[in-house]
Amino acid sequence: MNKFRLSGIVAVLILGLMVLQGCSYMAKVPGVKDLPFVSKPEDESQAPERNLGVKTIAVLPVDIKAGSRDAARMLREKMFDELYFKGYPRFPFEMVDAALADFRNRDKGASGSTVPPQVIGSMLGVDAVMYTTLLEANTAYKVVYAPVNVAAVFELREVKTGMTIWKYESRATDRDYGVTKNSLELGTTKIFEDVVHEAVKKAMENLPDGPGMQ
């Protein structure tokens, strides 16, 4: 019994020493308030968005590589609206088209896509010119569905230097289902404008905000 009692006493002493050593170690560990502050990712300030340095933009008629005039018209109109929502003031198409017509009278071979931005800037007093090229706008009729595809390139060129300060190629697609071709044609006609709008929105999401949003 004495041996067992002695062993128990030794075990208690060893356990006590371990506890004391553990407390001594924990006292050296810095508390939460002693730790250096590290900001969380959400606390870090975001890098400022690049400013294009332009206040007014003239939207030229769309240059058609593929697709219809209706698609080009919708593309230009959607771009006009989305630029306004991005903080750029509306610049009427009538003024832009009148300036282009005047330039074409002097240069018979000129088209909207070949008019230098400096010319538009001097005639209209804008800071930049938006050139848009329609690459694709079609509907492929399959057996029971019809995909609608729209693709365009948007290029913003500064008036002072004529240099491209922003460019984006955007694509959007959707599809409609139907039993007959007539039903497919009706359905795709309804969603075609939505697909055009989606292509423009994708581009505008990558365009820095204008002065009205700053």
N, C-alpha and C. Protein backbone atom coordinates (compact mmCIF):
# COMPACT_ATOMS: atom_id res chain seq x y z
N MET A 1 0.84 -1.20 0.00
CA MET A 1 0.00 0.00 0.00
C MET A 1 0.87 1.24 0.00
N ASN A 2 2.01 1.21 0.77
CA ASN A 2 2.89 2.37 0.81
C ASN A 2 3.48 2.68 -0.55
N LYS A 3 3.79 1.59 -1.29
CA LYS A 3 4.35 1.77 -2.63
C LYS A 3 3.34 2.45 -3.55
N PHE A 4 2.12 1.95 -3.47
CA PHE A 4 1.07 2.55 -4.33
C PHE A 4 0.82 3.99 -3.93
N ARG A 5 0.83 4.26 -2.61
CA ARG A 5 0.58 5.63 -2.16
C ARG A 5 1.72 6.54 -2.60
N LEU A 6 2.97 6.05 -2.52
CA LEU A 6 4.13 6.84 -2.94
C LEU A 6 4.08 7.14 -4.43
N SER A 7 3.68 6.13 -5.20
CA SER A 7 3.57 6.32 -6.66
C SER A 7 2.53 7.37 -6.98
N GLY A 8 1.42 7.36 -6.23
CA GLY A 8 0.37 8.35 -6.46
C GLY A 8 0.85 9.75 -6.16
N ILE A 9 1.62 9.88 -5.08
CA ILE A 9 2.14 11.20 -4.73
C ILE A 9 3.08 11.72 -5.80
N VAL A 10 3.94 10.82 -6.32
CA VAL A 10 4.89 11.20 -7.38
C VAL A 10 4.14 11.64 -8.62
N ALA A 11 3.09 10.89 -8.96
CA ALA A 11 2.31 11.23 -10.16
C ALA A 11 1.66 12.59 -10.02
N VAL A 12 1.14 12.88 -8.82
CA VAL A 12 0.51 14.19 -8.58
C VAL A 12 1.53 15.31 -8.70
N LEU A 13 2.74 15.07 -8.16
CA LEU A 13 3.78 16.09 -8.26
C LEU A 13 4.18 16.37 -9.71
N ILE A 14 4.33 15.29 -10.48
CA ILE A 14 4.70 15.45 -11.90
C ILE A 14 3.62 16.21 -12.65
N LEU A 15 2.35 15.86 -12.38
CA LEU A 15 1.23 16.55 -13.03
C LEU A 15 1.21 18.03 -12.67
N GLY A 16 1.51 18.31 -11.40
CA GLY A 16 1.54 19.70 -10.96
C GLY A 16 2.63 20.50 -11.66
N LEU A 17 3.82 19.90 -11.83
CA LEU A 17 4.91 20.57 -12.54
C LEU A 17 4.54 20.85 -13.99
N MET A 18 3.84 19.89 -14.63
CA MET A 18 3.43 20.08 -16.03
C MET A 18 2.45 21.23 -16.15
N VAL A 19 1.53 21.31 -15.19
CA VAL A 19 0.54 22.41 -15.21
C VAL A 19 1.24 23.75 -15.05
N LEU A 20 2.21 23.82 -14.11
CA LEU A 20 2.93 25.07 -13.89
C LEU A 20 3.73 25.49 -15.12
N GLN A 21 4.36 24.52 -15.81
CA GLN A 21 5.11 24.83 -17.02
C GLN A 21 4.18 25.33 -18.12
N GLY A 22 3.00 24.71 -18.21
CA GLY A 22 2.03 25.13 -19.23
C GLY A 22 1.56 26.54 -18.98
N CYS A 23 1.30 26.89 -17.75
CA CYS A 23 0.86 28.25 -17.42
C CYS A 23 1.95 29.27 -17.75
N SER A 24 3.20 28.89 -17.47
CA SER A 24 4.32 29.78 -17.76
C SER A 24 4.43 30.04 -19.26
N TYR A 25 4.21 29.00 -20.07
CA TYR A 25 4.29 29.12 -21.54
C TYR A 25 3.17 30.00 -22.07
N MET A 26 1.95 29.77 -21.56
CA MET A 26 0.79 30.54 -22.03
C MET A 26 0.94 32.00 -21.68
N ALA A 27 1.63 32.32 -20.56
CA ALA A 27 1.82 33.71 -20.19
C ALA A 27 2.67 34.46 -21.20
N LYS A 28 3.54 33.70 -21.91
CA LYS A 28 4.40 34.32 -22.91
C LYS A 28 3.71 34.51 -24.25
N VAL A 29 2.59 33.82 -24.46
CA VAL A 29 1.86 33.94 -25.73
C VAL A 29 1.11 35.25 -25.76
N PRO A 30 1.28 36.10 -26.79
CA PRO A 30 0.59 37.40 -26.82
C PRO A 30 -0.90 37.23 -26.94
N GLY A 31 -1.65 38.08 -26.26
CA GLY A 31 -3.10 38.05 -26.35
C GLY A 31 -3.56 38.65 -27.65
N VAL A 32 -4.87 38.58 -27.91
CA VAL A 32 -5.42 39.11 -29.15
C VAL A 32 -5.14 40.60 -29.28
N LYS A 33 -5.24 41.32 -28.14
CA LYS A 33 -5.03 42.77 -28.20
C LYS A 33 -3.57 43.13 -28.46
N ASP A 34 -2.64 42.16 -28.19
CA ASP A 34 -1.22 42.42 -28.40
C ASP A 34 -0.78 42.14 -29.82
N LEU A 35 -1.62 41.44 -30.59
CA LEU A 35 -1.23 41.07 -31.94
C LEU A 35 -1.33 42.27 -32.86
N PRO A 36 -0.44 42.37 -33.87
CA PRO A 36 -0.51 43.49 -34.82
C PRO A 36 -1.78 43.40 -35.64
N PHE A 37 -2.39 44.54 -35.99
CA PHE A 37 -3.64 44.57 -36.74
C PHE A 37 -3.38 44.27 -38.21
N VAL A 38 -4.12 43.33 -38.74
CA VAL A 38 -4.06 43.00 -40.16
C VAL A 38 -5.44 43.19 -40.73
N SER A 39 -5.56 44.08 -41.69
CA SER A 39 -6.89 44.38 -42.24
C SER A 39 -7.41 43.20 -43.04
N LYS A 40 -8.71 43.01 -42.98
CA LYS A 40 -9.36 41.97 -43.76
C LYS A 40 -9.44 42.43 -45.21
N PRO A 41 -9.58 41.46 -46.15
CA PRO A 41 -9.67 41.85 -47.56
C PRO A 41 -10.79 42.85 -47.82
N GLU A 42 -11.94 42.67 -47.12
CA GLU A 42 -13.05 43.58 -47.38
C GLU A 42 -12.80 44.96 -46.80
N ASP A 43 -11.82 45.09 -45.85
CA ASP A 43 -11.52 46.38 -45.26
C ASP A 43 -10.56 47.19 -46.11
N GLU A 44 -9.83 46.50 -46.98
CA GLU A 44 -8.84 47.18 -47.79
C GLU A 44 -9.54 48.02 -48.85
N SER A 45 -9.06 49.23 -49.02
CA SER A 45 -9.67 50.10 -50.01
C SER A 45 -9.38 49.58 -51.41
N GLN A 46 -10.40 49.65 -52.27
CA GLN A 46 -10.25 49.19 -53.64
C GLN A 46 -9.45 50.22 -54.43
N ALA A 47 -8.69 49.72 -55.40
CA ALA A 47 -7.93 50.63 -56.25
C ALA A 47 -8.91 51.47 -57.07
N PRO A 48 -8.65 52.76 -57.20
CA PRO A 48 -9.57 53.61 -57.94
C PRO A 48 -9.68 53.17 -59.40
N GLU A 49 -10.88 53.23 -59.93
CA GLU A 49 -11.11 52.82 -61.29
C GLU A 49 -10.45 53.80 -62.24
N ARG A 50 -9.90 53.29 -63.32
CA ARG A 50 -9.21 54.15 -64.28
C ARG A 50 -10.17 55.16 -64.89
N ASN A 51 -9.76 56.41 -64.89
CA ASN A 51 -10.57 57.48 -65.46
C ASN A 51 -10.11 57.73 -66.89
N LEU A 52 -11.05 57.71 -67.83
CA LEU A 52 -10.69 57.90 -69.23
C LEU A 52 -10.37 59.36 -69.54
N GLY A 53 -10.81 60.26 -68.68
CA GLY A 53 -10.52 61.66 -68.92
C GLY A 53 -11.37 62.30 -69.99
N VAL A 54 -12.54 61.71 -70.27
CA VAL A 54 -13.45 62.29 -71.26
C VAL A 54 -14.81 62.53 -70.61
N LYS A 55 -15.48 63.58 -71.07
CA LYS A 55 -16.79 63.93 -70.52
C LYS A 55 -17.92 63.70 -71.51
N THR A 56 -17.65 63.91 -72.78
CA THR A 56 -18.70 63.75 -73.81
C THR A 56 -18.24 62.78 -74.89
N ILE A 57 -19.17 61.94 -75.32
CA ILE A 57 -18.88 60.91 -76.32
C ILE A 57 -19.92 60.96 -77.44
N ALA A 58 -19.45 61.00 -78.67
CA ALA A 58 -20.33 60.91 -79.83
C ALA A 58 -20.36 59.46 -80.31
N VAL A 59 -21.56 58.91 -80.47
CA VAL A 59 -21.71 57.52 -80.91
C VAL A 59 -22.00 57.51 -82.41
N LEU A 60 -21.04 57.00 -83.18
CA LEU A 60 -21.20 56.96 -84.63
C LEU A 60 -22.14 55.82 -85.04
N PRO A 61 -22.68 55.90 -86.26
CA PRO A 61 -23.45 54.77 -86.78
C PRO A 61 -22.59 53.50 -86.81
N VAL A 62 -23.23 52.36 -86.64
CA VAL A 62 -22.51 51.09 -86.54
C VAL A 62 -22.02 50.65 -87.91
N ASP A 63 -20.77 50.25 -87.97
CA ASP A 63 -20.19 49.67 -89.18
C ASP A 63 -20.58 48.19 -89.23
N ILE A 64 -21.22 47.76 -90.29
CA ILE A 64 -21.76 46.40 -90.38
C ILE A 64 -20.81 45.50 -91.17
N LYS A 65 -20.20 44.54 -90.47
CA LYS A 65 -19.42 43.50 -91.12
C LYS A 65 -20.29 42.29 -91.42
N ALA A 66 -21.23 42.03 -90.54
CA ALA A 66 -22.20 40.95 -90.72
C ALA A 66 -23.44 41.32 -89.92
N GLY A 67 -24.62 40.94 -90.43
CA GLY A 67 -25.84 41.28 -89.73
C GLY A 67 -26.68 42.27 -90.53
N SER A 68 -27.76 42.69 -89.94
CA SER A 68 -28.72 43.54 -90.62
C SER A 68 -28.64 44.99 -90.14
N ARG A 69 -29.31 45.87 -90.89
CA ARG A 69 -29.38 47.28 -90.49
C ARG A 69 -30.19 47.44 -89.21
N ASP A 70 -31.20 46.60 -89.05
CA ASP A 70 -32.00 46.66 -87.82
C ASP A 70 -31.15 46.34 -86.60
N ALA A 71 -30.30 45.32 -86.73
CA ALA A 71 -29.43 44.96 -85.61
C ALA A 71 -28.45 46.09 -85.31
N ALA A 72 -27.92 46.72 -86.37
CA ALA A 72 -26.99 47.83 -86.18
C ALA A 72 -27.69 49.02 -85.52
N ARG A 73 -28.92 49.27 -85.92
CA ARG A 73 -29.67 50.38 -85.31
C ARG A 73 -29.91 50.12 -83.83
N MET A 74 -30.33 48.90 -83.50
CA MET A 74 -30.56 48.56 -82.09
C MET A 74 -29.28 48.66 -81.28
N LEU A 75 -28.18 48.24 -81.87
CA LEU A 75 -26.89 48.27 -81.18
C LEU A 75 -26.51 49.71 -80.84
N ARG A 76 -26.69 50.60 -81.78
CA ARG A 76 -26.36 52.01 -81.54
C ARG A 76 -27.27 52.63 -80.48
N GLU A 77 -28.55 52.32 -80.55
CA GLU A 77 -29.50 52.88 -79.59
C GLU A 77 -29.23 52.37 -78.17
N LYS A 78 -28.92 51.08 -78.05
CA LYS A 78 -28.61 50.52 -76.73
C LYS A 78 -27.33 51.13 -76.17
N MET A 79 -26.35 51.33 -77.03
CA MET A 79 -25.10 51.96 -76.60
C MET A 79 -25.36 53.39 -76.12
N PHE A 80 -26.19 54.11 -76.84
CA PHE A 80 -26.55 55.47 -76.49
C PHE A 80 -27.16 55.53 -75.08
N ASP A 81 -28.08 54.61 -74.79
CA ASP A 81 -28.74 54.58 -73.48
C ASP A 81 -27.77 54.15 -72.38
N GLU A 82 -26.98 53.12 -72.64
CA GLU A 82 -26.08 52.60 -71.61
C GLU A 82 -24.98 53.60 -71.25
N LEU A 83 -24.53 54.39 -72.22
CA LEU A 83 -23.55 55.42 -71.92
C LEU A 83 -24.13 56.45 -70.95
N TYR A 84 -25.39 56.75 -71.13
CA TYR A 84 -26.06 57.69 -70.24
C TYR A 84 -26.12 57.13 -68.82
N PHE A 85 -26.43 55.83 -68.71
CA PHE A 85 -26.50 55.19 -67.39
C PHE A 85 -25.11 55.07 -66.74
N LYS A 86 -24.06 55.15 -67.56
CA LYS A 86 -22.69 55.12 -67.03
C LYS A 86 -22.20 56.51 -66.63
N GLY A 87 -23.03 57.52 -66.82
CA GLY A 87 -22.65 58.86 -66.39
C GLY A 87 -22.18 59.79 -67.49
N TYR A 88 -22.36 59.38 -68.76
CA TYR A 88 -21.98 60.25 -69.87
C TYR A 88 -23.24 60.94 -70.43
N PRO A 89 -23.19 62.25 -70.64
CA PRO A 89 -24.38 62.95 -71.14
C PRO A 89 -24.77 62.50 -72.53
N ARG A 90 -26.05 62.57 -72.83
CA ARG A 90 -26.55 62.19 -74.14
C ARG A 90 -26.10 63.22 -75.18
N PHE A 91 -25.62 62.68 -76.31
CA PHE A 91 -25.26 63.55 -77.43
C PHE A 91 -26.11 63.11 -78.62
N PRO A 92 -27.07 63.93 -79.07
CA PRO A 92 -28.08 63.51 -80.06
C PRO A 92 -27.50 62.92 -81.33
N PHE A 93 -28.14 61.85 -81.82
CA PHE A 93 -27.74 61.24 -83.08
C PHE A 93 -27.85 62.23 -84.23
N GLU A 94 -28.86 63.10 -84.17
CA GLU A 94 -29.10 64.04 -85.27
C GLU A 94 -27.87 64.92 -85.52
N MET A 95 -27.23 65.35 -84.45
CA MET A 95 -26.05 66.20 -84.59
C MET A 95 -24.87 65.41 -85.15
N VAL A 96 -24.73 64.17 -84.68
CA VAL A 96 -23.64 63.32 -85.16
C VAL A 96 -23.83 63.00 -86.63
N ASP A 97 -25.04 62.60 -87.01
CA ASP A 97 -25.31 62.22 -88.40
C ASP A 97 -25.20 63.43 -89.34
N ALA A 98 -25.59 64.61 -88.87
CA ALA A 98 -25.47 65.81 -89.69
C ALA A 98 -24.00 66.13 -89.95
N ALA A 99 -23.16 65.96 -88.92
CA ALA A 99 -21.73 66.21 -89.09
C ALA A 99 -21.12 65.21 -90.06
N LEU A 100 -21.53 63.95 -89.96
CA LEU A 100 -21.02 62.93 -90.88
C LEU A 100 -21.45 63.22 -92.31
N ALA A 101 -22.70 63.63 -92.48
CA ALA A 101 -23.20 63.93 -93.82
C ALA A 101 -22.42 65.09 -94.43
N ASP A 102 -22.12 66.09 -93.62
CA ASP A 102 -21.35 67.23 -94.10
C ASP A 102 -19.95 66.80 -94.51
N PHE A 103 -19.35 65.91 -93.71
CA PHE A 103 -18.00 65.44 -94.04
C PHE A 103 -18.02 64.59 -95.32
N ARG A 104 -19.06 63.78 -95.48
CA ARG A 104 -19.15 62.94 -96.68
C ARG A 104 -19.34 63.78 -97.93
N ASN A 105 -19.99 64.90 -97.81
CA ASN A 105 -20.16 65.78 -98.97
C ASN A 105 -18.82 66.30 -99.45
N ARG A 106 -17.88 66.43 -98.53
CA ARG A 106 -16.55 66.91 -98.89
C ARG A 106 -15.61 65.78 -99.25
N ASP A 107 -15.86 64.59 -98.70
CA ASP A 107 -15.05 63.41 -98.98
C ASP A 107 -16.00 62.28 -99.37
N LYS A 108 -16.22 62.10 -100.65
CA LYS A 108 -17.26 61.19 -101.14
C LYS A 108 -17.02 59.74 -100.72
N GLY A 109 -15.78 59.35 -100.50
CA GLY A 109 -15.50 57.96 -100.16
C GLY A 109 -15.51 57.66 -98.68
N ALA A 110 -15.84 58.64 -97.87
CA ALA A 110 -15.77 58.45 -96.41
C ALA A 110 -16.98 57.69 -95.90
N SER A 111 -16.75 56.90 -94.86
CA SER A 111 -17.83 56.22 -94.14
C SER A 111 -17.65 56.51 -92.66
N GLY A 112 -18.65 56.14 -91.87
CA GLY A 112 -18.59 56.43 -90.45
C GLY A 112 -17.35 55.86 -89.78
N SER A 113 -16.94 54.66 -90.20
CA SER A 113 -15.81 53.99 -89.55
C SER A 113 -14.46 54.59 -89.96
N THR A 114 -14.43 55.36 -91.06
CA THR A 114 -13.16 55.91 -91.52
C THR A 114 -12.99 57.39 -91.19
N VAL A 115 -13.99 58.01 -90.59
CA VAL A 115 -13.89 59.42 -90.23
C VAL A 115 -12.99 59.55 -89.00
N PRO A 116 -11.90 60.30 -89.08
CA PRO A 116 -11.01 60.46 -87.92
C PRO A 116 -11.74 61.11 -86.75
N PRO A 117 -11.42 60.71 -85.53
CA PRO A 117 -12.08 61.31 -84.37
C PRO A 117 -11.81 62.81 -84.25
N GLN A 118 -10.64 63.25 -84.75
CA GLN A 118 -10.33 64.68 -84.69
C GLN A 118 -11.34 65.50 -85.49
N VAL A 119 -11.80 64.93 -86.61
CA VAL A 119 -12.77 65.64 -87.44
C VAL A 119 -14.10 65.78 -86.71
N ILE A 120 -14.57 64.67 -86.11
CA ILE A 120 -15.82 64.71 -85.35
C ILE A 120 -15.69 65.65 -84.17
N GLY A 121 -14.55 65.61 -83.52
CA GLY A 121 -14.34 66.46 -82.36
C GLY A 121 -14.37 67.93 -82.71
N SER A 122 -13.75 68.29 -83.83
CA SER A 122 -13.72 69.70 -84.24
C SER A 122 -15.09 70.19 -84.67
N MET A 123 -15.90 69.28 -85.20
CA MET A 123 -17.23 69.67 -85.69
C MET A 123 -18.26 69.71 -84.57
N LEU A 124 -18.11 68.81 -83.59
CA LEU A 124 -19.13 68.68 -82.54
C LEU A 124 -18.67 69.13 -81.17
N GLY A 125 -17.37 69.24 -80.96
CA GLY A 125 -16.86 69.66 -79.67
C GLY A 125 -16.90 68.59 -78.60
N VAL A 126 -16.89 67.31 -78.99
CA VAL A 126 -16.89 66.21 -78.03
C VAL A 126 -15.46 65.83 -77.67
N ASP A 127 -15.32 65.05 -76.60
CA ASP A 127 -14.00 64.62 -76.14
C ASP A 127 -13.54 63.30 -76.77
N ALA A 128 -14.51 62.45 -77.13
CA ALA A 128 -14.17 61.13 -77.68
C ALA A 128 -15.28 60.65 -78.61
N VAL A 129 -14.93 59.68 -79.43
CA VAL A 129 -15.88 59.14 -80.41
C VAL A 129 -15.93 57.62 -80.26
N MET A 130 -17.16 57.09 -80.22
CA MET A 130 -17.34 55.65 -80.10
C MET A 130 -17.58 55.04 -81.48
N TYR A 131 -16.67 54.15 -81.87
CA TYR A 131 -16.80 53.41 -83.12
C TYR A 131 -17.27 51.99 -82.78
N THR A 132 -18.30 51.53 -83.47
CA THR A 132 -18.85 50.20 -83.20
C THR A 132 -18.90 49.40 -84.49
N THR A 133 -18.42 48.17 -84.42
CA THR A 133 -18.45 47.27 -85.58
C THR A 133 -19.27 46.04 -85.23
N LEU A 134 -20.31 45.80 -86.01
CA LEU A 134 -21.16 44.62 -85.82
C LEU A 134 -20.52 43.45 -86.54
N LEU A 135 -20.09 42.45 -85.77
CA LEU A 135 -19.40 41.29 -86.34
C LEU A 135 -20.34 40.14 -86.66
N GLU A 136 -21.42 40.04 -85.87
CA GLU A 136 -22.33 38.91 -86.02
C GLU A 136 -23.69 39.27 -85.44
N ALA A 137 -24.73 38.90 -86.15
CA ALA A 137 -26.09 39.08 -85.66
C ALA A 137 -26.98 38.15 -86.47
N ASN A 138 -27.13 36.95 -85.98
CA ASN A 138 -27.86 35.95 -86.78
C ASN A 138 -28.66 34.99 -85.91
N THR A 139 -29.54 34.31 -86.55
CA THR A 139 -30.35 33.27 -85.92
C THR A 139 -30.23 32.00 -86.75
N ALA A 140 -29.85 30.90 -86.12
CA ALA A 140 -29.72 29.61 -86.80
C ALA A 140 -30.90 28.73 -86.39
N TYR A 141 -31.73 28.39 -87.36
CA TYR A 141 -32.93 27.60 -87.05
C TYR A 141 -32.59 26.11 -87.12
N LYS A 142 -32.73 25.45 -85.97
CA LYS A 142 -32.51 24.01 -85.88
C LYS A 142 -33.87 23.30 -85.90
N VAL A 143 -33.88 22.05 -85.46
CA VAL A 143 -35.13 21.27 -85.52
C VAL A 143 -36.16 21.81 -84.54
N VAL A 144 -35.79 21.97 -83.28
CA VAL A 144 -36.76 22.44 -82.29
C VAL A 144 -36.27 23.67 -81.52
N TYR A 145 -35.15 24.23 -81.91
CA TYR A 145 -34.66 25.41 -81.23
C TYR A 145 -33.90 26.30 -82.21
N ALA A 146 -33.70 27.56 -81.81
CA ALA A 146 -33.02 28.52 -82.68
C ALA A 146 -32.14 29.43 -81.83
N PRO A 147 -30.82 29.26 -81.91
CA PRO A 147 -29.92 30.15 -81.16
C PRO A 147 -29.77 31.51 -81.85
N VAL A 148 -29.70 32.55 -81.04
CA VAL A 148 -29.49 33.91 -81.53
C VAL A 148 -28.12 34.38 -81.04
N ASN A 149 -27.28 34.83 -81.97
CA ASN A 149 -25.92 35.24 -81.63
C ASN A 149 -25.67 36.67 -82.08
N VAL A 150 -25.04 37.44 -81.20
CA VAL A 150 -24.67 38.83 -81.51
C VAL A 150 -23.25 39.06 -81.03
N ALA A 151 -22.45 39.66 -81.88
CA ALA A 151 -21.06 39.99 -81.51
C ALA A 151 -20.71 41.35 -82.10
N ALA A 152 -20.01 42.16 -81.33
CA ALA A 152 -19.64 43.50 -81.79
C ALA A 152 -18.36 43.95 -81.10
N VAL A 153 -17.65 44.84 -81.75
CA VAL A 153 -16.45 45.46 -81.18
C VAL A 153 -16.75 46.94 -80.94
N PHE A 154 -16.45 47.39 -79.73
CA PHE A 154 -16.65 48.78 -79.36
C PHE A 154 -15.28 49.41 -79.14
N GLU A 155 -15.05 50.55 -79.78
CA GLU A 155 -13.74 51.21 -79.68
C GLU A 155 -13.94 52.70 -79.44
N LEU A 156 -13.37 53.19 -78.35
CA LEU A 156 -13.48 54.60 -77.99
C LEU A 156 -12.15 55.28 -78.29
N ARG A 157 -12.22 56.31 -79.12
CA ARG A 157 -11.00 57.00 -79.54
C ARG A 157 -11.04 58.47 -79.10
N GLU A 158 -9.94 58.90 -78.54
CA GLU A 158 -9.84 60.26 -78.03
C GLU A 158 -9.72 61.26 -79.18
N VAL A 159 -10.34 62.40 -79.03
CA VAL A 159 -10.35 63.40 -80.09
C VAL A 159 -8.99 64.10 -80.22
N LYS A 160 -8.36 64.42 -79.11
CA LYS A 160 -7.11 65.18 -79.15
C LYS A 160 -5.99 64.44 -79.88
N THR A 161 -5.83 63.16 -79.56
CA THR A 161 -4.71 62.39 -80.11
C THR A 161 -5.14 61.41 -81.20
N GLY A 162 -6.42 61.07 -81.24
CA GLY A 162 -6.89 60.07 -82.18
C GLY A 162 -6.61 58.64 -81.73
N MET A 163 -6.03 58.50 -80.54
CA MET A 163 -5.65 57.18 -80.04
C MET A 163 -6.86 56.46 -79.42
N THR A 164 -6.80 55.13 -79.46
CA THR A 164 -7.82 54.30 -78.82
C THR A 164 -7.56 54.27 -77.32
N ILE A 165 -8.54 54.69 -76.53
CA ILE A 165 -8.37 54.71 -75.07
C ILE A 165 -9.17 53.61 -74.39
N TRP A 166 -10.03 52.94 -75.13
CA TRP A 166 -10.80 51.81 -74.58
C TRP A 166 -11.34 51.00 -75.75
N LYS A 167 -11.29 49.66 -75.60
CA LYS A 167 -11.78 48.78 -76.66
C LYS A 167 -12.26 47.48 -76.03
N TYR A 168 -13.36 46.97 -76.55
CA TYR A 168 -13.91 45.74 -75.99
C TYR A 168 -14.71 44.99 -77.07
N GLU A 169 -14.46 43.70 -77.17
CA GLU A 169 -15.25 42.84 -78.06
C GLU A 169 -16.25 42.06 -77.21
N SER A 170 -17.51 42.20 -77.51
CA SER A 170 -18.56 41.60 -76.70
C SER A 170 -19.38 40.62 -77.51
N ARG A 171 -19.79 39.54 -76.85
CA ARG A 171 -20.63 38.52 -77.47
C ARG A 171 -21.76 38.13 -76.52
N ALA A 172 -22.91 37.86 -77.10
CA ALA A 172 -24.06 37.43 -76.31
C ALA A 172 -24.86 36.44 -77.14
N THR A 173 -25.53 35.53 -76.45
CA THR A 173 -26.31 34.52 -77.15
C THR A 173 -27.50 34.10 -76.30
N ASP A 174 -28.54 33.66 -76.97
CA ASP A 174 -29.72 33.13 -76.31
C ASP A 174 -30.39 32.20 -77.31
N ARG A 175 -31.39 31.47 -76.88
CA ARG A 175 -32.07 30.56 -77.80
C ARG A 175 -33.54 30.46 -77.47
N ASP A 176 -34.31 30.13 -78.48
CA ASP A 176 -35.74 29.96 -78.31
C ASP A 176 -36.11 28.56 -78.80
N TYR A 177 -37.16 27.99 -78.20
CA TYR A 177 -37.60 26.65 -78.56
C TYR A 177 -39.00 26.70 -79.17
N GLY A 178 -39.24 25.84 -80.13
CA GLY A 178 -40.55 25.80 -80.77
C GLY A 178 -40.71 24.55 -81.60
N VAL A 179 -41.94 24.25 -81.95
CA VAL A 179 -42.22 23.04 -82.74
C VAL A 179 -42.10 23.32 -84.22
N THR A 180 -42.59 24.48 -84.66
CA THR A 180 -42.54 24.85 -86.07
C THR A 180 -41.59 26.00 -86.29
N LYS A 181 -41.21 26.21 -87.54
CA LYS A 181 -40.30 27.31 -87.86
C LYS A 181 -40.98 28.65 -87.61
N ASN A 182 -42.28 28.71 -87.87
CA ASN A 182 -43.01 29.96 -87.63
C ASN A 182 -42.96 30.35 -86.15
N SER A 183 -43.14 29.37 -85.29
CA SER A 183 -43.10 29.66 -83.85
C SER A 183 -41.70 30.07 -83.42
N LEU A 184 -40.68 29.44 -84.05
CA LEU A 184 -39.31 29.81 -83.74
C LEU A 184 -39.00 31.23 -84.20
N GLU A 185 -39.46 31.59 -85.38
CA GLU A 185 -39.22 32.92 -85.90
C GLU A 185 -39.87 33.98 -85.01
N LEU A 186 -41.07 33.68 -84.54
CA LEU A 186 -41.76 34.62 -83.65
C LEU A 186 -41.01 34.77 -82.33
N GLY A 187 -40.54 33.65 -81.79
CA GLY A 187 -39.83 33.69 -80.51
C GLY A 187 -38.49 34.40 -80.61
N THR A 188 -37.74 34.13 -81.67
CA THR A 188 -36.42 34.75 -81.82
C THR A 188 -36.53 36.25 -82.09
N THR A 189 -37.60 36.65 -82.76
CA THR A 189 -37.81 38.08 -82.98
C THR A 189 -37.97 38.81 -81.66
N LYS A 190 -38.62 38.18 -80.71
CA LYS A 190 -38.84 38.79 -79.40
C LYS A 190 -37.56 38.87 -78.58
N ILE A 191 -36.70 37.85 -78.69
CA ILE A 191 -35.50 37.83 -77.84
C ILE A 191 -34.29 38.48 -78.51
N PHE A 192 -34.38 38.78 -79.81
CA PHE A 192 -33.23 39.31 -80.52
C PHE A 192 -32.76 40.63 -79.91
N GLU A 193 -33.69 41.52 -79.63
CA GLU A 193 -33.32 42.81 -79.04
C GLU A 193 -32.69 42.63 -77.66
N ASP A 194 -33.16 41.64 -76.92
CA ASP A 194 -32.57 41.37 -75.60
C ASP A 194 -31.12 40.91 -75.72
N VAL A 195 -30.84 40.12 -76.75
CA VAL A 195 -29.47 39.64 -76.96
C VAL A 195 -28.56 40.81 -77.34
N VAL A 196 -29.05 41.70 -78.19
CA VAL A 196 -28.28 42.89 -78.55
C VAL A 196 -27.98 43.72 -77.30
N HIS A 197 -28.99 43.89 -76.48
CA HIS A 197 -28.83 44.66 -75.25
C HIS A 197 -27.81 44.01 -74.32
N GLU A 198 -27.83 42.69 -74.23
CA GLU A 198 -26.89 41.98 -73.38
C GLU A 198 -25.45 42.18 -73.85
N ALA A 199 -25.24 42.17 -75.17
CA ALA A 199 -23.90 42.40 -75.71
C ALA A 199 -23.40 43.79 -75.35
N VAL A 200 -24.29 44.78 -75.42
CA VAL A 200 -23.90 46.15 -75.06
C VAL A 200 -23.61 46.26 -73.57
N LYS A 201 -24.44 45.64 -72.74
CA LYS A 201 -24.25 45.70 -71.29
C LYS A 201 -22.92 45.09 -70.88
N LYS A 202 -22.54 43.99 -71.50
CA LYS A 202 -21.26 43.37 -71.18
C LYS A 202 -20.11 44.33 -71.46
N ALA A 203 -20.21 45.05 -72.57
CA ALA A 203 -19.16 46.01 -72.90
C ALA A 203 -19.15 47.16 -71.90
N MET A 204 -20.33 47.66 -71.55
CA MET A 204 -20.42 48.81 -70.66
C MET A 204 -19.94 48.49 -69.25
N GLU A 205 -20.05 47.24 -68.84
CA GLU A 205 -19.54 46.85 -67.53
C GLU A 205 -18.04 47.02 -67.43
N ASN A 206 -17.36 47.04 -68.57
CA ASN A 206 -15.91 47.19 -68.61
C ASN A 206 -15.46 48.60 -68.95
N LEU A 207 -16.42 49.50 -69.11
CA LEU A 207 -16.09 50.89 -69.40
C LEU A 207 -16.10 51.70 -68.11
N PRO A 208 -15.04 52.46 -67.81
CA PRO A 208 -15.05 53.31 -66.62
C PRO A 208 -16.20 54.30 -66.63
N ASP A 209 -16.68 54.64 -65.46
CA ASP A 209 -17.81 55.56 -65.33
C ASP A 209 -17.46 56.94 -65.86
N GLY A 210 -18.53 57.64 -66.29
CA GLY A 210 -18.38 58.99 -66.78
C GLY A 210 -18.49 60.02 -65.68
N PRO A 211 -18.46 61.29 -66.02
CA PRO A 211 -18.47 62.37 -65.02
C PRO A 211 -19.74 62.40 -64.19
N GLY A 212 -20.84 61.91 -64.73
CA GLY A 212 -22.09 61.93 -63.98
C GLY A 212 -22.14 60.92 -62.85
N MET A 213 -21.20 59.99 -62.79
CA MET A 213 -21.18 58.97 -61.75
C MET A 213 -20.04 59.20 -60.76
N GLN A 214 -19.27 60.24 -60.93
CA GLN A 214 -18.10 60.47 -60.08
C GLN A 214 -18.38 61.56 -59.06
